[in-house]
């Protein structure tokens, strides 16, 4: 047992003192923090920009029906054509041009095109799509003489509790969602440790074999003791680095948020828009499918 402890100590101290361990321990949290902070920061910058969208409603149904948000403004152009707006688009200051083509009936769907110089954000597309779907649903309800309040009043939420019966006859409440999340996280951690630190065991054996150090160790320790010491030592190195990553990433995120991005703690515009859409619209029951078409 003492020989296994000596091998574990040697493996652990040798690897934590390497430059690669120190560099990866420092770079890892910086990369993880960047993956969390940079997208949120970019979304915040984009959401604070006022987006003026010109609307060419050739159907005449959606005029003044697509509501404005804090940063998305719609301007309805009644007599302008698409070619006229396109020629003056650069100087007009519009973020995009929304064209709604007429349809033979409300049940046949509407062709919608969103023209812009750059890729529109998800919040813009989601707001336009859900606003039009909501208006189409209201019109269909009116055509069939159905009150929307009555339709909303019949919707009910069902919450299913999961209770396990133990062998002793006791009841224990469980959570399928938590079990699923724990399973996914555990599977990811297993894969991560095998991928990152399993190869280090192989490299450690190869290095010592090439340096003929293993011959000296084998003379005083059994192969089982050598392998067990290596596996446990490298496992402790992996756990140490993982814990350092968690702690340093948390410190970096807290420091960046406090010093430079205090607004990231508040709901941004995109989150508010998406939350409002989900609260006011049952997305699992889509009344109409809106498919974009190309104009030739």
C-alpha atoms as a PDB file:
ATOM      1  CA  UNK A   1       0.000   0.000   0.000  1.00  0.00           C
ATOM      2  CA  UNK A   2       2.850   2.377   0.763  1.00  0.00           C
ATOM      3  CA  UNK A   3       4.306   1.743  -2.684  1.00  0.00           C
ATOM      4  CA  UNK A   4       0.962   2.642  -4.305  1.00  0.00           C
ATOM      5  CA  UNK A   5       0.871   5.872  -2.287  1.00  0.00           C
ATOM      6  CA  UNK A   6       4.395   6.734  -3.405  1.00  0.00           C
ATOM      7  CA  UNK A   7       3.512   6.146  -7.054  1.00  0.00           C
ATOM      8  CA  UNK A   8       0.312   8.226  -6.682  1.00  0.00           C
ATOM      9  CA  UNK A   9       2.268  11.042  -5.066  1.00  0.00           C
ATOM     10  CA  UNK A  10       4.932  10.931  -7.774  1.00  0.00           C
ATOM     11  CA  UNK A  11       2.379  10.942 -10.611  1.00  0.00           C
ATOM     12  CA  UNK A  12       0.361  13.745  -9.059  1.00  0.00           C
ATOM     13  CA  UNK A  13       3.230  16.083  -8.146  1.00  0.00           C
ATOM     14  CA  UNK A  14       5.045  15.489 -11.432  1.00  0.00           C
ATOM     15  CA  UNK A  15       2.022  16.360 -13.562  1.00  0.00           C
ATOM     16  CA  UNK A  16       0.669  19.355 -11.628  1.00  0.00           C
ATOM     17  CA  UNK A  17       4.100  20.992 -11.926  1.00  0.00           C
ATOM     18  CA  UNK A  18       4.203  20.675 -15.712  1.00  0.00           C
ATOM     19  CA  UNK A  19       3.797  23.789 -17.828  1.00  0.00           C
ATOM     20  CA  UNK A  20       0.996  22.202 -19.853  1.00  0.00           C
ATOM     21  CA  UNK A  21      -1.067  21.645 -16.700  1.00  0.00           C
ATOM     22  CA  UNK A  22      -0.569  25.235 -15.543  1.00  0.00           C
ATOM     23  CA  UNK A  23      -1.288  26.712 -18.998  1.00  0.00           C
ATOM     24  CA  UNK A  24      -4.433  24.631 -19.545  1.00  0.00           C
ATOM     25  CA  UNK A  25      -5.661  25.435 -16.043  1.00  0.00           C
ATOM     26  CA  UNK A  26      -5.427  29.144 -16.857  1.00  0.00           C
ATOM     27  CA  UNK A  27      -6.650  29.043 -20.484  1.00  0.00           C
ATOM     28  CA  UNK A  28      -9.600  26.704 -19.783  1.00  0.00           C
ATOM     29  CA  UNK A  29     -11.594  29.075 -17.524  1.00  0.00           C
ATOM     30  CA  UNK A  30     -10.905  32.000 -19.865  1.00  0.00           C
ATOM     31  CA  UNK A  31     -12.332  30.058 -22.815  1.00  0.00           C
ATOM     32  CA  UNK A  32     -15.343  28.853 -20.821  1.00  0.00           C
ATOM     33  CA  UNK A  33     -16.078  32.370 -19.561  1.00  0.00           C
ATOM     34  CA  UNK A  34     -15.731  33.773 -23.081  1.00  0.00           C
ATOM     35  CA  UNK A  35     -18.240  31.262 -24.436  1.00  0.00           C
ATOM     36  CA  UNK A  36     -20.763  32.474 -21.860  1.00  0.00           C
ATOM     37  CA  UNK A  37     -20.077  36.213 -21.811  1.00  0.00           C
ATOM     38  CA  UNK A  38     -19.357  37.063 -25.463  1.00  0.00           C
ATOM     39  CA  UNK A  39     -22.663  35.780 -26.963  1.00  0.00           C
ATOM     40  CA  UNK A  40     -24.679  37.500 -24.229  1.00  0.00           C
ATOM     41  CA  UNK A  41     -22.727  40.714 -24.748  1.00  0.00           C
ATOM     42  CA  UNK A  42     -23.239  40.623 -28.517  1.00  0.00           C
ATOM     43  CA  UNK A  43     -26.954  39.967 -28.045  1.00  0.00           C
ATOM     44  CA  UNK A  44     -27.177  42.925 -25.690  1.00  0.00           C
ATOM     45  CA  UNK A  45     -25.478  45.214 -28.201  1.00  0.00           C
ATOM     46  CA  UNK A  46     -27.787  44.059 -30.987  1.00  0.00           C
ATOM     47  CA  UNK A  47     -30.947  44.385 -28.923  1.00  0.00           C
ATOM     48  CA  UNK A  48     -30.295  48.002 -27.999  1.00  0.00           C
ATOM     49  CA  UNK A  49     -30.298  48.991 -31.665  1.00  0.00           C
ATOM     50  CA  UNK A  50     -33.536  50.479 -32.972  1.00  0.00           C
ATOM     51  CA  UNK A  51     -34.702  48.410 -35.947  1.00  0.00           C
ATOM     52  CA  UNK A  52     -37.046  50.180 -38.356  1.00  0.00           C
ATOM     53  CA  UNK A  53     -38.770  47.719 -40.673  1.00  0.00           C
ATOM     54  CA  UNK A  54     -40.733  48.827 -43.737  1.00  0.00           C
ATOM     55  CA  UNK A  55     -43.894  46.771 -44.314  1.00  0.00           C
ATOM     56  CA  UNK A  56     -45.403  46.260 -47.764  1.00  0.00           C
ATOM     57  CA  UNK A  57     -48.715  44.563 -46.999  1.00  0.00           C
ATOM     58  CA  UNK A  58     -50.175  43.700 -50.370  1.00  0.00           C
ATOM     59  CA  UNK A  59     -52.803  41.539 -48.676  1.00  0.00           C
ATOM     60  CA  UNK A  60     -54.261  44.401 -46.651  1.00  0.00           C
ATOM     61  CA  UNK A  61     -54.889  42.125 -43.671  1.00  0.00           C
ATOM     62  CA  UNK A  62     -51.880  42.799 -41.464  1.00  0.00           C
ATOM     63  CA  UNK A  63     -51.737  46.577 -41.680  1.00  0.00           C
ATOM     64  CA  UNK A  64     -51.193  47.979 -38.174  1.00  0.00           C
ATOM     65  CA  UNK A  65     -51.553  44.441 -36.775  1.00  0.00           C
ATOM     66  CA  UNK A  66     -47.860  43.712 -36.201  1.00  0.00           C
ATOM     67  CA  UNK A  67     -47.169  45.522 -32.960  1.00  0.00           C
ATOM     68  CA  UNK A  68     -44.005  47.457 -32.174  1.00  0.00           C
ATOM     69  CA  UNK A  69     -41.585  46.558 -29.403  1.00  0.00           C
ATOM     70  CA  UNK A  70     -39.046  48.688 -27.591  1.00  0.00           C
ATOM     71  CA  UNK A  71     -36.452  48.165 -30.316  1.00  0.00           C
ATOM     72  CA  UNK A  72     -38.453  46.892 -33.309  1.00  0.00           C
ATOM     73  CA  UNK A  73     -40.528  49.518 -35.145  1.00  0.00           C
ATOM     74  CA  UNK A  74     -42.749  48.823 -38.159  1.00  0.00           C
ATOM     75  CA  UNK A  75     -43.485  51.449 -40.825  1.00  0.00           C
ATOM     76  CA  UNK A  76     -46.355  50.594 -43.153  1.00  0.00           C
ATOM     77  CA  UNK A  77     -45.899  51.826 -46.719  1.00  0.00           C
ATOM     78  CA  UNK A  78     -49.220  51.762 -48.535  1.00  0.00           C
ATOM     79  CA  UNK A  79     -48.369  53.064 -52.009  1.00  0.00           C
ATOM     80  CA  UNK A  80     -44.700  52.131 -52.337  1.00  0.00           C
ATOM     81  CA  UNK A  81     -43.496  49.209 -54.439  1.00  0.00           C
ATOM     82  CA  UNK A  82     -40.731  46.771 -53.644  1.00  0.00           C
ATOM     83  CA  UNK A  83     -38.483  48.152 -56.401  1.00  0.00           C
ATOM     84  CA  UNK A  84     -38.841  51.699 -55.095  1.00  0.00           C
ATOM     85  CA  UNK A  85     -38.004  50.683 -51.552  1.00  0.00           C
ATOM     86  CA  UNK A  86     -35.082  48.577 -52.748  1.00  0.00           C
ATOM     87  CA  UNK A  87     -33.481  51.450 -54.687  1.00  0.00           C
ATOM     88  CA  UNK A  88     -33.720  53.790 -51.693  1.00  0.00           C
ATOM     89  CA  UNK A  89     -33.054  51.132 -49.037  1.00  0.00           C
ATOM     90  CA  UNK A  90     -29.460  52.179 -48.277  1.00  0.00           C
ATOM     91  CA  UNK A  91     -30.372  55.817 -47.619  1.00  0.00           C
ATOM     92  CA  UNK A  92     -33.708  55.109 -45.940  1.00  0.00           C
ATOM     93  CA  UNK A  93     -32.241  53.792 -42.711  1.00  0.00           C
ATOM     94  CA  UNK A  94     -34.497  50.750 -42.672  1.00  0.00           C
ATOM     95  CA  UNK A  95     -33.259  47.590 -41.003  1.00  0.00           C
ATOM     96  CA  UNK A  96     -35.309  45.366 -43.305  1.00  0.00           C
ATOM     97  CA  UNK A  97     -38.274  45.301 -45.659  1.00  0.00           C
ATOM     98  CA  UNK A  98     -41.173  42.967 -44.904  1.00  0.00           C
ATOM     99  CA  UNK A  99     -43.283  42.015 -47.916  1.00  0.00           C
ATOM    100  CA  UNK A 100     -46.589  40.187 -47.425  1.00  0.00           C
ATOM    101  CA  UNK A 101     -48.013  38.822 -50.657  1.00  0.00           C
ATOM    102  CA  UNK A 102     -51.782  38.378 -51.070  1.00  0.00           C
ATOM    103  CA  UNK A 103     -53.400  34.966 -50.929  1.00  0.00           C
ATOM    104  CA  UNK A 104     -56.560  33.547 -52.490  1.00  0.00           C
ATOM    105  CA  UNK A 105     -57.981  32.637 -49.071  1.00  0.00           C
ATOM    106  CA  UNK A 106     -57.030  32.795 -45.428  1.00  0.00           C
ATOM    107  CA  UNK A 107     -56.607  29.013 -45.343  1.00  0.00           C
ATOM    108  CA  UNK A 108     -54.076  28.838 -48.189  1.00  0.00           C
ATOM    109  CA  UNK A 109     -51.324  30.632 -46.293  1.00  0.00           C
ATOM    110  CA  UNK A 110     -49.353  33.775 -47.001  1.00  0.00           C
ATOM    111  CA  UNK A 111     -46.000  34.222 -48.697  1.00  0.00           C
ATOM    112  CA  UNK A 112     -43.784  36.435 -46.559  1.00  0.00           C
ATOM    113  CA  UNK A 113     -40.377  37.772 -47.553  1.00  0.00           C
ATOM    114  CA  UNK A 114     -37.993  39.666 -45.275  1.00  0.00           C
ATOM    115  CA  UNK A 115     -35.344  41.584 -47.238  1.00  0.00           C
ATOM    116  CA  UNK A 116     -32.287  43.029 -45.489  1.00  0.00           C
ATOM    117  CA  UNK A 117     -28.604  43.742 -45.985  1.00  0.00           C
ATOM    118  CA  UNK A 118     -27.554  41.505 -43.082  1.00  0.00           C
ATOM    119  CA  UNK A 119     -28.919  38.417 -41.398  1.00  0.00           C
ATOM    120  CA  UNK A 120     -32.010  39.344 -39.328  1.00  0.00           C
ATOM    121  CA  UNK A 121     -31.947  38.420 -35.670  1.00  0.00           C
ATOM    122  CA  UNK A 122     -34.016  35.626 -34.189  1.00  0.00           C
ATOM    123  CA  UNK A 123     -36.085  38.092 -32.148  1.00  0.00           C
ATOM    124  CA  UNK A 124     -37.194  39.935 -35.299  1.00  0.00           C
ATOM    125  CA  UNK A 125     -38.237  36.776 -37.152  1.00  0.00           C
ATOM    126  CA  UNK A 126     -39.973  35.327 -34.107  1.00  0.00           C
ATOM    127  CA  UNK A 127     -41.920  38.531 -33.443  1.00  0.00           C
ATOM    128  CA  UNK A 128     -43.079  38.842 -37.063  1.00  0.00           C
ATOM    129  CA  UNK A 129     -44.036  35.173 -37.358  1.00  0.00           C
ATOM    130  CA  UNK A 130     -45.979  35.009 -34.100  1.00  0.00           C
ATOM    131  CA  UNK A 131     -47.720  38.349 -34.650  1.00  0.00           C
ATOM    132  CA  UNK A 132     -48.988  37.216 -38.053  1.00  0.00           C
ATOM    133  CA  UNK A 133     -49.997  33.789 -36.771  1.00  0.00           C
ATOM    134  CA  UNK A 134     -51.888  35.416 -33.903  1.00  0.00           C
ATOM    135  CA  UNK A 135     -53.754  37.705 -36.314  1.00  0.00           C
ATOM    136  CA  UNK A 136     -54.636  34.803 -38.618  1.00  0.00           C
ATOM    137  CA  UNK A 137     -55.935  32.818 -35.671  1.00  0.00           C
ATOM    138  CA  UNK A 138     -58.118  35.710 -34.531  1.00  0.00           C
ATOM    139  CA  UNK A 139     -59.600  36.092 -38.011  1.00  0.00           C
ATOM    140  CA  UNK A 140     -60.353  32.369 -38.268  1.00  0.00           C
ATOM    141  CA  UNK A 141     -62.018  32.459 -34.867  1.00  0.00           C
ATOM    142  CA  UNK A 142     -64.154  35.405 -35.957  1.00  0.00           C
ATOM    143  CA  UNK A 143     -65.131  33.661 -39.193  1.00  0.00           C
ATOM    144  CA  UNK A 144     -66.333  30.638 -37.230  1.00  0.00           C
ATOM    145  CA  UNK A 145     -68.051  32.732 -34.552  1.00  0.00           C
ATOM    146  CA  UNK A 146     -65.749  31.594 -31.741  1.00  0.00           C
ATOM    147  CA  UNK A 147     -64.817  33.972 -28.948  1.00  0.00           C
ATOM    148  CA  UNK A 148     -61.076  33.930 -28.241  1.00  0.00           C
ATOM    149  CA  UNK A 149     -61.651  34.355 -24.495  1.00  0.00           C
ATOM    150  CA  UNK A 150     -63.840  31.243 -24.473  1.00  0.00           C
ATOM    151  CA  UNK A 151     -61.154  29.331 -26.366  1.00  0.00           C
ATOM    152  CA  UNK A 152     -58.467  30.415 -23.908  1.00  0.00           C
ATOM    153  CA  UNK A 153     -60.664  29.572 -20.912  1.00  0.00           C
ATOM    154  CA  UNK A 154     -60.912  25.892 -21.875  1.00  0.00           C
ATOM    155  CA  UNK A 155     -57.163  25.411 -21.793  1.00  0.00           C
ATOM    156  CA  UNK A 156     -55.936  23.684 -18.654  1.00  0.00           C
ATOM    157  CA  UNK A 157     -52.499  22.895 -17.298  1.00  0.00           C
ATOM    158  CA  UNK A 158     -51.760  19.388 -16.070  1.00  0.00           C
ATOM    159  CA  UNK A 159     -48.867  18.702 -13.701  1.00  0.00           C
ATOM    160  CA  UNK A 160     -47.897  15.050 -13.240  1.00  0.00           C
ATOM    161  CA  UNK A 161     -46.133  14.085 -10.007  1.00  0.00           C
ATOM    162  CA  UNK A 162     -43.935  11.015 -10.095  1.00  0.00           C
ATOM    163  CA  UNK A 163     -43.976   8.940  -6.905  1.00  0.00           C
ATOM    164  CA  UNK A 164     -41.942   5.807  -6.381  1.00  0.00           C
ATOM    165  CA  UNK A 165     -42.948   2.903  -4.165  1.00  0.00           C
ATOM    166  CA  UNK A 166     -40.026   1.559  -2.171  1.00  0.00           C
ATOM    167  CA  UNK A 167     -39.620  -2.052  -1.077  1.00  0.00           C
ATOM    168  CA  UNK A 168     -40.655  -1.008   2.439  1.00  0.00           C
ATOM    169  CA  UNK A 169     -44.005   0.276   1.158  1.00  0.00           C
ATOM    170  CA  UNK A 170     -43.100   3.942   1.542  1.00  0.00           C
ATOM    171  CA  UNK A 171     -43.814   6.622  -1.042  1.00  0.00           C
ATOM    172  CA  UNK A 172     -40.949   8.728  -2.348  1.00  0.00           C
ATOM    173  CA  UNK A 173     -41.493  11.640  -4.716  1.00  0.00           C
ATOM    174  CA  UNK A 174     -39.061  11.766  -7.616  1.00  0.00           C
ATOM    175  CA  UNK A 175     -38.387  13.983 -10.615  1.00  0.00           C
ATOM    176  CA  UNK A 176     -37.962  12.572 -14.097  1.00  0.00           C
ATOM    177  CA  UNK A 177     -36.500  15.841 -15.378  1.00  0.00           C
ATOM    178  CA  UNK A 178     -33.815  15.994 -12.683  1.00  0.00           C
ATOM    179  CA  UNK A 179     -32.912  12.346 -13.245  1.00  0.00           C
ATOM    180  CA  UNK A 180     -32.561  12.981 -16.966  1.00  0.00           C
ATOM    181  CA  UNK A 181     -30.368  16.057 -16.418  1.00  0.00           C
ATOM    182  CA  UNK A 182     -28.160  14.204 -13.921  1.00  0.00           C
ATOM    183  CA  UNK A 183     -27.801  11.359 -16.417  1.00  0.00           C
ATOM    184  CA  UNK A 184     -26.785  13.666 -19.250  1.00  0.00           C
ATOM    185  CA  UNK A 185     -24.321  15.591 -17.083  1.00  0.00           C
ATOM    186  CA  UNK A 186     -22.809  12.403 -15.678  1.00  0.00           C
ATOM    187  CA  UNK A 187     -22.455  10.914 -19.149  1.00  0.00           C
ATOM    188  CA  UNK A 188     -20.747  14.072 -20.376  1.00  0.00           C
ATOM    189  CA  UNK A 189     -18.339  14.084 -17.435  1.00  0.00           C
ATOM    190  CA  UNK A 190     -17.475  10.415 -17.988  1.00  0.00           C
ATOM    191  CA  UNK A 191     -16.770  11.062 -21.652  1.00  0.00           C
ATOM    192  CA  UNK A 192     -14.809  14.196 -20.805  1.00  0.00           C
ATOM    193  CA  UNK A 193     -12.549  12.489 -18.282  1.00  0.00           C
ATOM    194  CA  UNK A 194     -11.969   9.467 -20.502  1.00  0.00           C
ATOM    195  CA  UNK A 195     -11.152  11.652 -23.480  1.00  0.00           C
ATOM    196  CA  UNK A 196      -8.952  14.130 -21.616  1.00  0.00           C
ATOM    197  CA  UNK A 197      -7.190  12.053 -18.979  1.00  0.00           C
ATOM    198  CA  UNK A 198      -7.442   8.480 -20.263  1.00  0.00           C
ATOM    199  CA  UNK A 199      -4.872   9.325 -22.912  1.00  0.00           C
ATOM    200  CA  UNK A 200      -2.555  10.673 -20.217  1.00  0.00           C
ATOM    201  CA  UNK A 201      -2.332   7.221 -18.645  1.00  0.00           C
ATOM    202  CA  UNK A 202      -1.262   5.787 -21.982  1.00  0.00           C
ATOM    203  CA  UNK A 203       1.239   8.584 -22.573  1.00  0.00           C
ATOM    204  CA  UNK A 204       2.641   8.147 -19.061  1.00  0.00           C
ATOM    205  CA  UNK A 205       3.257   4.445 -19.638  1.00  0.00           C
ATOM    206  CA  UNK A 206       4.824   5.111 -23.036  1.00  0.00           C
ATOM    207  CA  UNK A 207       7.102   7.854 -21.680  1.00  0.00           C
ATOM    208  CA  UNK A 208       8.422   5.727 -18.828  1.00  0.00           C
ATOM    209  CA  UNK A 209       8.901   2.756 -21.112  1.00  0.00           C
ATOM    210  CA  UNK A 210      10.874   4.847 -23.573  1.00  0.00           C
ATOM    211  CA  UNK A 211      12.986   6.298 -20.748  1.00  0.00           C
ATOM    212  CA  UNK A 212      13.493   2.833 -19.221  1.00  0.00           C
ATOM    213  CA  UNK A 213      12.240   4.195 -15.902  1.00  0.00           C
ATOM    214  CA  UNK A 214       9.612   1.493 -15.723  1.00  0.00           C
ATOM    215  CA  UNK A 215      12.325  -1.158 -15.443  1.00  0.00           C
ATOM    216  CA  UNK A 216      13.582   0.426 -12.242  1.00  0.00           C
ATOM    217  CA  UNK A 217      10.072   0.807 -10.817  1.00  0.00           C
ATOM    218  CA  UNK A 218       9.112  -2.774 -11.646  1.00  0.00           C
ATOM    219  CA  UNK A 219      12.131  -4.017  -9.694  1.00  0.00           C
ATOM    220  CA  UNK A 220      10.658  -2.576  -6.486  1.00  0.00           C
ATOM    221  CA  UNK A 221       6.885  -2.599  -7.205  1.00  0.00           C
ATOM    222  CA  UNK A 222       4.488  -5.050  -8.762  1.00  0.00           C
ATOM    223  CA  UNK A 223       2.778  -4.210 -12.099  1.00  0.00           C
ATOM    224  CA  UNK A 224      -0.598  -3.984 -10.359  1.00  0.00           C
ATOM    225  CA  UNK A 225       0.752  -1.431  -7.892  1.00  0.00           C
ATOM    226  CA  UNK A 226       2.338   0.564 -10.730  1.00  0.00           C
ATOM    227  CA  UNK A 227      -0.838   0.668 -12.813  1.00  0.00           C
ATOM    228  CA  UNK A 228      -3.100   1.418  -9.847  1.00  0.00           C
ATOM    229  CA  UNK A 229      -0.832   4.244  -8.731  1.00  0.00           C
ATOM    230  CA  UNK A 230      -0.787   5.725 -12.214  1.00  0.00           C
ATOM    231  CA  UNK A 231      -4.565   5.554 -12.670  1.00  0.00           C
ATOM    232  CA  UNK A 232      -5.352   7.059  -9.261  1.00  0.00           C
ATOM    233  CA  UNK A 233      -2.625   9.708  -9.563  1.00  0.00           C
ATOM    234  CA  UNK A 234      -3.748  10.883 -12.991  1.00  0.00           C
ATOM    235  CA  UNK A 235      -7.399  10.760 -11.839  1.00  0.00           C
ATOM    236  CA  UNK A 236      -6.535  13.108  -8.969  1.00  0.00           C
ATOM    237  CA  UNK A 237      -4.777  15.404 -11.444  1.00  0.00           C
ATOM    238  CA  UNK A 238      -7.924  15.463 -13.577  1.00  0.00           C
ATOM    239  CA  UNK A 239     -10.186  16.183 -10.601  1.00  0.00           C
ATOM    240  CA  UNK A 240      -7.850  18.946  -9.438  1.00  0.00           C
ATOM    241  CA  UNK A 241      -7.865  20.612 -12.843  1.00  0.00           C
ATOM    242  CA  UNK A 242     -11.641  20.246 -13.179  1.00  0.00           C
ATOM    243  CA  UNK A 243     -12.276  21.823  -9.772  1.00  0.00           C
ATOM    244  CA  UNK A 244      -9.865  24.645 -10.596  1.00  0.00           C
ATOM    245  CA  UNK A 245     -11.723  25.230 -13.868  1.00  0.00           C
ATOM    246  CA  UNK A 246     -15.059  25.459 -12.051  1.00  0.00           C
ATOM    247  CA  UNK A 247     -13.745  27.839  -9.387  1.00  0.00           C
ATOM    248  CA  UNK A 248     -11.753  30.066 -11.760  1.00  0.00           C
ATOM    249  CA  UNK A 249     -14.575  30.213 -14.330  1.00  0.00           C
ATOM    250  CA  UNK A 250     -17.024  31.280 -11.624  1.00  0.00           C
ATOM    251  CA  UNK A 251     -14.619  33.955 -10.373  1.00  0.00           C
ATOM    252  CA  UNK A 252     -13.966  35.270 -13.899  1.00  0.00           C
ATOM    253  CA  UNK A 253     -17.678  35.394 -14.770  1.00  0.00           C
ATOM    254  CA  UNK A 254     -18.530  37.198 -11.530  1.00  0.00           C
ATOM    255  CA  UNK A 255     -15.661  39.641 -11.993  1.00  0.00           C
ATOM    256  CA  UNK A 256     -16.527  40.435 -15.624  1.00  0.00           C
ATOM    257  CA  UNK A 257     -20.199  40.851 -14.853  1.00  0.00           C
ATOM    258  CA  UNK A 258     -19.545  43.150 -11.912  1.00  0.00           C
ATOM    259  CA  UNK A 259     -16.846  45.266 -13.573  1.00  0.00           C
ATOM    260  CA  UNK A 260     -17.867  45.532 -17.220  1.00  0.00           C
ATOM    261  CA  UNK A 261     -21.289  44.000 -17.910  1.00  0.00           C
ATOM    262  CA  UNK A 262     -23.685  44.715 -15.038  1.00  0.00           C
ATOM    263  CA  UNK A 263     -26.562  44.880 -17.528  1.00  0.00           C
ATOM    264  CA  UNK A 264     -26.123  41.182 -18.374  1.00  0.00           C
ATOM    265  CA  UNK A 265     -27.862  40.290 -15.150  1.00  0.00           C
ATOM    266  CA  UNK A 266     -31.088  41.932 -16.310  1.00  0.00           C
ATOM    267  CA  UNK A 267     -33.383  40.419 -18.953  1.00  0.00           C
ATOM    268  CA  UNK A 268     -32.399  41.726 -22.368  1.00  0.00           C
ATOM    269  CA  UNK A 269     -34.818  42.631 -25.097  1.00  0.00           C
ATOM    270  CA  UNK A 270     -34.587  39.329 -26.914  1.00  0.00           C
ATOM    271  CA  UNK A 271     -35.408  37.383 -23.744  1.00  0.00           C
ATOM    272  CA  UNK A 272     -38.359  39.680 -23.026  1.00  0.00           C
ATOM    273  CA  UNK A 273     -39.686  39.327 -26.558  1.00  0.00           C
ATOM    274  CA  UNK A 274     -39.370  35.545 -26.603  1.00  0.00           C
ATOM    275  CA  UNK A 275     -40.895  35.245 -23.128  1.00  0.00           C
ATOM    276  CA  UNK A 276     -43.828  37.425 -24.168  1.00  0.00           C
ATOM    277  CA  UNK A 277     -44.373  35.308 -27.255  1.00  0.00           C
ATOM    278  CA  UNK A 278     -44.423  32.086 -25.260  1.00  0.00           C
ATOM    279  CA  UNK A 279     -46.778  33.531 -22.652  1.00  0.00           C
ATOM    280  CA  UNK A 280     -49.317  34.832 -25.140  1.00  0.00           C
ATOM    281  CA  UNK A 281     -49.118  32.126 -27.781  1.00  0.00           C
ATOM    282  CA  UNK A 282     -49.532  28.374 -27.611  1.00  0.00           C
ATOM    283  CA  UNK A 283     -46.685  27.413 -29.918  1.00  0.00           C
ATOM    284  CA  UNK A 284     -47.644  23.769 -29.919  1.00  0.00           C
ATOM    285  CA  UNK A 285     -50.826  24.602 -31.865  1.00  0.00           C
ATOM    286  CA  UNK A 286     -49.854  26.563 -34.961  1.00  0.00           C
ATOM    287  CA  UNK A 287     -52.799  27.843 -36.928  1.00  0.00           C
ATOM    288  CA  UNK A 288     -50.946  28.718 -40.105  1.00  0.00           C
ATOM    289  CA  UNK A 289     -47.571  27.917 -41.640  1.00  0.00           C
ATOM    290  CA  UNK A 290     -45.830  30.897 -43.174  1.00  0.00           C
ATOM    291  CA  UNK A 291     -43.274  29.909 -45.827  1.00  0.00           C
ATOM    292  CA  UNK A 292     -40.887  32.441 -47.372  1.00  0.00           C
ATOM    293  CA  UNK A 293     -40.680  32.483 -51.171  1.00  0.00           C
ATOM    294  CA  UNK A 294     -38.109  33.940 -53.501  1.00  0.00           C
ATOM    295  CA  UNK A 295     -39.120  36.677 -55.905  1.00  0.00           C
ATOM    296  CA  UNK A 296     -37.808  36.357 -59.430  1.00  0.00           C
END
